Amino acid sequence: MQYIAAMERIEELLPIVDEQTPENDKNSVELVLLSNLVADYDEEHYPIKQPSLADVLKLRMFEMRLTQKNIAEMLGVSPSRISEYLTGKSEPTLKVARDINRKLSIDASIILGV
């Protein structure tokens, strides 16, 4: 109930407060406080997990219109190895991880699962 009330009040304040509104304006202060409370609540109760390498690889394949065979050729591995990455059965070697990072622009922390 309080969460919903806070969200409704934020919606009321958004049209009132803009970049020209002074930081010490009561509406601006209230908006910042409520926004921070809602963000903290969301982060604690509904954390967004980092995507897996398999998820990001599938997305990148879709975005770049690549097949498993295309990615395998690009990374110098077999298509079956790409299949293992996509199912989570295998993790890339350090060399392949570097190539995934450079050639597919996938963040190293996702590749390494950290």
N, C-alpha and C. Protein backbone atom coordinates (compact mmCIF):
# COMPACT_ATOMS: atom_id res chain seq x y z
N MET A 1 0.82 -1.20 0.00
CA MET A 1 0.00 0.00 0.00
C MET A 1 0.86 1.26 0.00
N GLN A 2 1.89 1.31 0.85
CA GLN A 2 2.74 2.49 0.91
C GLN A 2 3.52 2.65 -0.38
N TYR A 3 3.92 1.53 -0.95
CA TYR A 3 4.66 1.57 -2.21
C TYR A 3 3.79 2.22 -3.30
N ILE A 4 2.56 1.79 -3.38
CA ILE A 4 1.64 2.34 -4.40
C ILE A 4 1.42 3.83 -4.16
N ALA A 5 1.24 4.21 -2.90
CA ALA A 5 1.05 5.63 -2.58
C ALA A 5 2.28 6.44 -2.95
N ALA A 6 3.46 5.89 -2.70
CA ALA A 6 4.70 6.59 -3.05
C ALA A 6 4.81 6.74 -4.57
N MET A 7 4.49 5.69 -5.31
CA MET A 7 4.55 5.76 -6.77
C MET A 7 3.54 6.78 -7.31
N GLU A 8 2.35 6.81 -6.75
CA GLU A 8 1.34 7.78 -7.19
C GLU A 8 1.81 9.21 -6.92
N ARG A 9 2.43 9.43 -5.75
CA ARG A 9 2.92 10.77 -5.43
C ARG A 9 4.07 11.17 -6.36
N ILE A 10 4.93 10.22 -6.69
CA ILE A 10 6.01 10.49 -7.64
C ILE A 10 5.41 10.92 -8.98
N GLU A 11 4.38 10.22 -9.44
CA GLU A 11 3.72 10.58 -10.70
C GLU A 11 3.14 11.99 -10.64
N GLU A 12 2.63 12.39 -9.48
CA GLU A 12 2.11 13.75 -9.32
C GLU A 12 3.22 14.79 -9.35
N LEU A 13 4.37 14.45 -8.79
CA LEU A 13 5.47 15.40 -8.69
C LEU A 13 6.27 15.55 -9.98
N LEU A 14 6.31 14.52 -10.80
CA LEU A 14 7.13 14.57 -12.01
C LEU A 14 6.79 15.74 -12.94
N PRO A 15 5.50 16.06 -13.16
CA PRO A 15 5.22 17.21 -14.03
C PRO A 15 5.53 18.56 -13.37
N ILE A 16 5.60 18.58 -12.05
CA ILE A 16 5.82 19.83 -11.31
C ILE A 16 7.31 20.17 -11.23
N VAL A 17 8.14 19.15 -11.05
CA VAL A 17 9.57 19.36 -10.84
C VAL A 17 10.30 19.15 -12.17
N ASP A 18 11.11 20.14 -12.54
CA ASP A 18 11.94 20.00 -13.73
C ASP A 18 13.36 20.44 -13.40
N GLU A 19 14.21 20.53 -14.41
CA GLU A 19 15.62 20.85 -14.17
C GLU A 19 15.83 22.26 -13.63
N GLN A 20 14.85 23.15 -13.84
CA GLN A 20 14.98 24.51 -13.33
C GLN A 20 14.49 24.65 -11.88
N THR A 21 13.85 23.62 -11.37
CA THR A 21 13.34 23.66 -10.00
C THR A 21 14.52 23.63 -9.04
N PRO A 22 14.57 24.57 -8.11
CA PRO A 22 15.68 24.58 -7.13
C PRO A 22 15.70 23.29 -6.32
N GLU A 23 16.91 22.85 -5.96
CA GLU A 23 17.06 21.61 -5.19
C GLU A 23 16.40 21.70 -3.83
N ASN A 24 16.29 22.89 -3.27
CA ASN A 24 15.70 23.03 -1.93
C ASN A 24 14.19 23.27 -1.99
N ASP A 25 13.60 23.24 -3.17
CA ASP A 25 12.14 23.35 -3.31
C ASP A 25 11.50 22.12 -2.67
N LYS A 26 10.40 22.34 -1.91
CA LYS A 26 9.80 21.22 -1.17
C LYS A 26 9.35 20.08 -2.09
N ASN A 27 8.87 20.39 -3.28
CA ASN A 27 8.46 19.34 -4.21
C ASN A 27 9.66 18.56 -4.74
N SER A 28 10.74 19.28 -4.99
CA SER A 28 11.96 18.64 -5.46
C SER A 28 12.54 17.72 -4.39
N VAL A 29 12.57 18.20 -3.17
CA VAL A 29 13.09 17.39 -2.05
C VAL A 29 12.24 16.14 -1.86
N GLU A 30 10.92 16.33 -1.91
CA GLU A 30 10.02 15.18 -1.74
C GLU A 30 10.20 14.17 -2.87
N LEU A 31 10.35 14.66 -4.10
CA LEU A 31 10.53 13.76 -5.24
C LEU A 31 11.82 12.95 -5.10
N VAL A 32 12.90 13.61 -4.70
CA VAL A 32 14.17 12.91 -4.53
C VAL A 32 14.07 11.86 -3.43
N LEU A 33 13.48 12.23 -2.30
CA LEU A 33 13.35 11.29 -1.18
C LEU A 33 12.49 10.09 -1.56
N LEU A 34 11.33 10.34 -2.16
CA LEU A 34 10.45 9.23 -2.54
C LEU A 34 11.10 8.36 -3.61
N SER A 35 11.75 8.98 -4.58
CA SER A 35 12.41 8.21 -5.64
C SER A 35 13.49 7.31 -5.07
N ASN A 36 14.27 7.84 -4.13
CA ASN A 36 15.31 7.04 -3.50
C ASN A 36 14.72 5.89 -2.69
N LEU A 37 13.65 6.15 -1.97
CA LEU A 37 13.00 5.09 -1.18
C LEU A 37 12.47 3.98 -2.09
N VAL A 38 11.81 4.37 -3.16
CA VAL A 38 11.26 3.38 -4.10
C VAL A 38 12.39 2.60 -4.77
N ALA A 39 13.46 3.28 -5.17
CA ALA A 39 14.60 2.60 -5.80
C ALA A 39 15.24 1.61 -4.84
N ASP A 40 15.42 2.00 -3.58
CA ASP A 40 16.00 1.11 -2.57
C ASP A 40 15.11 -0.11 -2.35
N TYR A 41 13.80 0.11 -2.27
CA TYR A 41 12.85 -0.99 -2.08
C TYR A 41 12.92 -1.96 -3.27
N ASP A 42 12.88 -1.39 -4.48
CA ASP A 42 12.94 -2.24 -5.68
C ASP A 42 14.23 -3.04 -5.73
N GLU A 43 15.34 -2.40 -5.42
CA GLU A 43 16.64 -3.08 -5.46
C GLU A 43 16.71 -4.22 -4.45
N GLU A 44 16.12 -4.00 -3.29
CA GLU A 44 16.15 -5.04 -2.25
C GLU A 44 15.20 -6.19 -2.55
N HIS A 45 14.00 -5.87 -3.02
CA HIS A 45 12.98 -6.91 -3.20
C HIS A 45 12.90 -7.48 -4.62
N TYR A 46 13.36 -6.72 -5.59
CA TYR A 46 13.30 -7.17 -6.97
C TYR A 46 14.63 -6.89 -7.68
N PRO A 47 15.71 -7.49 -7.19
CA PRO A 47 17.02 -7.20 -7.79
C PRO A 47 17.09 -7.69 -9.24
N ILE A 48 17.77 -6.92 -10.05
CA ILE A 48 17.97 -7.31 -11.44
C ILE A 48 19.29 -8.06 -11.51
N LYS A 49 19.20 -9.30 -11.90
CA LYS A 49 20.39 -10.13 -11.97
C LYS A 49 21.13 -9.88 -13.28
N GLN A 50 22.43 -10.08 -13.24
CA GLN A 50 23.23 -9.93 -14.44
C GLN A 50 22.88 -11.07 -15.39
N PRO A 51 22.76 -10.78 -16.67
CA PRO A 51 22.42 -11.84 -17.62
C PRO A 51 23.57 -12.84 -17.75
N SER A 52 23.21 -14.04 -18.15
CA SER A 52 24.22 -15.07 -18.36
C SER A 52 24.88 -14.89 -19.72
N LEU A 53 26.02 -15.52 -19.90
CA LEU A 53 26.70 -15.48 -21.18
C LEU A 53 25.77 -16.04 -22.26
N ALA A 54 25.07 -17.12 -21.95
CA ALA A 54 24.17 -17.74 -22.94
C ALA A 54 23.10 -16.74 -23.38
N ASP A 55 22.51 -16.02 -22.43
CA ASP A 55 21.48 -15.04 -22.76
C ASP A 55 22.02 -13.93 -23.66
N VAL A 56 23.19 -13.43 -23.32
CA VAL A 56 23.78 -12.33 -24.09
C VAL A 56 24.24 -12.82 -25.47
N LEU A 57 24.77 -14.03 -25.53
CA LEU A 57 25.16 -14.58 -26.84
C LEU A 57 23.94 -14.71 -27.75
N LYS A 58 22.84 -15.20 -27.21
CA LYS A 58 21.61 -15.35 -28.01
C LYS A 58 21.12 -13.98 -28.49
N LEU A 59 21.18 -13.01 -27.62
CA LEU A 59 20.77 -11.66 -28.00
C LEU A 59 21.68 -11.11 -29.10
N ARG A 60 22.98 -11.27 -28.91
CA ARG A 60 23.94 -10.76 -29.90
C ARG A 60 23.75 -11.47 -31.24
N MET A 61 23.47 -12.78 -31.21
CA MET A 61 23.21 -13.52 -32.45
C MET A 61 22.01 -12.93 -33.18
N PHE A 62 20.97 -12.62 -32.41
CA PHE A 62 19.77 -12.03 -33.00
C PHE A 62 20.08 -10.65 -33.57
N GLU A 63 20.76 -9.81 -32.77
CA GLU A 63 21.05 -8.44 -33.19
C GLU A 63 21.93 -8.39 -34.44
N MET A 64 22.90 -9.28 -34.50
CA MET A 64 23.87 -9.27 -35.61
C MET A 64 23.47 -10.24 -36.73
N ARG A 65 22.33 -10.90 -36.55
CA ARG A 65 21.83 -11.87 -37.53
C ARG A 65 22.88 -12.94 -37.83
N LEU A 66 23.40 -13.52 -36.76
CA LEU A 66 24.44 -14.55 -36.88
C LEU A 66 23.88 -15.91 -36.50
N THR A 67 24.42 -16.93 -37.11
CA THR A 67 24.08 -18.30 -36.74
C THR A 67 25.18 -18.83 -35.82
N GLN A 68 24.95 -20.00 -35.25
CA GLN A 68 26.00 -20.63 -34.43
C GLN A 68 27.25 -20.86 -35.28
N LYS A 69 27.04 -21.23 -36.52
CA LYS A 69 28.17 -21.47 -37.42
C LYS A 69 28.95 -20.18 -37.65
N ASN A 70 28.24 -19.06 -37.86
CA ASN A 70 28.92 -17.77 -38.06
C ASN A 70 29.77 -17.39 -36.86
N ILE A 71 29.19 -17.54 -35.67
CA ILE A 71 29.92 -17.18 -34.46
C ILE A 71 31.11 -18.12 -34.25
N ALA A 72 30.90 -19.40 -34.54
CA ALA A 72 31.99 -20.38 -34.40
C ALA A 72 33.16 -19.98 -35.29
N GLU A 73 32.87 -19.61 -36.53
CA GLU A 73 33.94 -19.18 -37.45
C GLU A 73 34.62 -17.92 -36.95
N MET A 74 33.82 -16.98 -36.45
CA MET A 74 34.35 -15.72 -35.95
C MET A 74 35.29 -15.93 -34.76
N LEU A 75 34.94 -16.90 -33.91
CA LEU A 75 35.72 -17.15 -32.69
C LEU A 75 36.75 -18.26 -32.84
N GLY A 76 36.72 -18.96 -33.95
CA GLY A 76 37.68 -20.03 -34.17
C GLY A 76 37.42 -21.26 -33.33
N VAL A 77 36.16 -21.56 -33.09
CA VAL A 77 35.78 -22.77 -32.35
C VAL A 77 34.73 -23.52 -33.18
N SER A 78 34.39 -24.72 -32.74
CA SER A 78 33.40 -25.51 -33.47
C SER A 78 31.98 -25.04 -33.14
N PRO A 79 31.04 -25.26 -34.07
CA PRO A 79 29.64 -24.92 -33.78
C PRO A 79 29.11 -25.67 -32.56
N SER A 80 29.60 -26.88 -32.33
CA SER A 80 29.15 -27.63 -31.15
C SER A 80 29.62 -26.96 -29.86
N ARG A 81 30.78 -26.32 -29.91
CA ARG A 81 31.28 -25.58 -28.73
C ARG A 81 30.37 -24.38 -28.46
N ILE A 82 29.95 -23.69 -29.52
CA ILE A 82 29.02 -22.56 -29.36
C ILE A 82 27.72 -23.08 -28.75
N SER A 83 27.27 -24.23 -29.20
CA SER A 83 26.07 -24.83 -28.64
C SER A 83 26.22 -25.08 -27.14
N GLU A 84 27.40 -25.54 -26.74
CA GLU A 84 27.66 -25.77 -25.32
C GLU A 84 27.65 -24.46 -24.53
N TYR A 85 28.16 -23.37 -25.12
CA TYR A 85 28.09 -22.05 -24.45
C TYR A 85 26.64 -21.61 -24.31
N LEU A 86 25.85 -21.86 -25.35
CA LEU A 86 24.45 -21.42 -25.35
C LEU A 86 23.58 -22.21 -24.37
N THR A 87 23.98 -23.44 -24.07
CA THR A 87 23.22 -24.26 -23.12
C THR A 87 23.80 -24.20 -21.71
N GLY A 88 24.95 -23.55 -21.58
CA GLY A 88 25.60 -23.45 -20.27
C GLY A 88 26.38 -24.68 -19.88
N LYS A 89 26.58 -25.60 -20.82
CA LYS A 89 27.32 -26.83 -20.52
C LYS A 89 28.82 -26.62 -20.49
N SER A 90 29.28 -25.53 -21.10
CA SER A 90 30.71 -25.27 -21.18
C SER A 90 30.95 -23.77 -21.07
N GLU A 91 32.15 -23.42 -20.60
CA GLU A 91 32.55 -22.02 -20.53
C GLU A 91 33.72 -21.81 -21.47
N PRO A 92 33.83 -20.60 -22.03
CA PRO A 92 34.93 -20.36 -22.97
C PRO A 92 36.28 -20.31 -22.28
N THR A 93 37.31 -20.67 -23.05
CA THR A 93 38.68 -20.52 -22.56
C THR A 93 38.97 -19.02 -22.49
N LEU A 94 40.08 -18.67 -21.87
CA LEU A 94 40.46 -17.26 -21.76
C LEU A 94 40.63 -16.63 -23.13
N LYS A 95 41.25 -17.35 -24.07
CA LYS A 95 41.44 -16.82 -25.42
C LYS A 95 40.10 -16.56 -26.09
N VAL A 96 39.19 -17.51 -26.01
CA VAL A 96 37.87 -17.36 -26.62
C VAL A 96 37.09 -16.24 -25.92
N ALA A 97 37.23 -16.17 -24.60
CA ALA A 97 36.56 -15.10 -23.85
C ALA A 97 37.01 -13.73 -24.34
N ARG A 98 38.31 -13.59 -24.58
CA ARG A 98 38.82 -12.31 -25.11
C ARG A 98 38.22 -12.02 -26.48
N ASP A 99 38.13 -13.04 -27.32
CA ASP A 99 37.55 -12.84 -28.65
C ASP A 99 36.07 -12.48 -28.56
N ILE A 100 35.35 -13.12 -27.66
CA ILE A 100 33.94 -12.79 -27.46
C ILE A 100 33.81 -11.33 -27.05
N ASN A 101 34.67 -10.91 -26.14
CA ASN A 101 34.65 -9.53 -25.68
C ASN A 101 34.92 -8.56 -26.83
N ARG A 102 35.94 -8.81 -27.59
CA ARG A 102 36.34 -7.90 -28.67
C ARG A 102 35.42 -7.97 -29.88
N LYS A 103 35.12 -9.16 -30.34
CA LYS A 103 34.41 -9.32 -31.60
C LYS A 103 32.89 -9.19 -31.47
N LEU A 104 32.37 -9.53 -30.28
CA LEU A 104 30.92 -9.45 -30.09
C LEU A 104 30.52 -8.33 -29.12
N SER A 105 31.51 -7.61 -28.60
CA SER A 105 31.26 -6.50 -27.67
C SER A 105 30.41 -6.92 -26.47
N ILE A 106 30.79 -8.05 -25.87
CA ILE A 106 30.12 -8.53 -24.66
C ILE A 106 31.03 -8.25 -23.49
N ASP A 107 30.48 -7.63 -22.47
CA ASP A 107 31.25 -7.22 -21.29
C ASP A 107 31.96 -8.43 -20.66
N ALA A 108 33.20 -8.21 -20.26
CA ALA A 108 34.02 -9.28 -19.68
C ALA A 108 33.39 -9.85 -18.42
N SER A 109 32.74 -9.03 -17.61
CA SER A 109 32.13 -9.54 -16.38
C SER A 109 31.01 -10.55 -16.68
N ILE A 110 30.33 -10.37 -17.78
CA ILE A 110 29.28 -11.34 -18.18
C ILE A 110 29.95 -12.62 -18.67
N ILE A 111 30.97 -12.48 -19.47
CA ILE A 111 31.67 -13.66 -20.01
C ILE A 111 32.24 -14.51 -18.88
N LEU A 112 32.83 -13.83 -17.89
CA LEU A 112 33.45 -14.54 -16.78
C LEU A 112 32.47 -14.91 -15.67
N GLY A 113 31.24 -14.41 -15.77
CA GLY A 113 30.22 -14.76 -14.79
C GLY A 113 30.46 -14.13 -13.42
N VAL A 114 31.05 -12.94 -13.40
CA VAL A 114 31.30 -12.25 -12.12
C VAL A 114 30.43 -11.02 -11.98
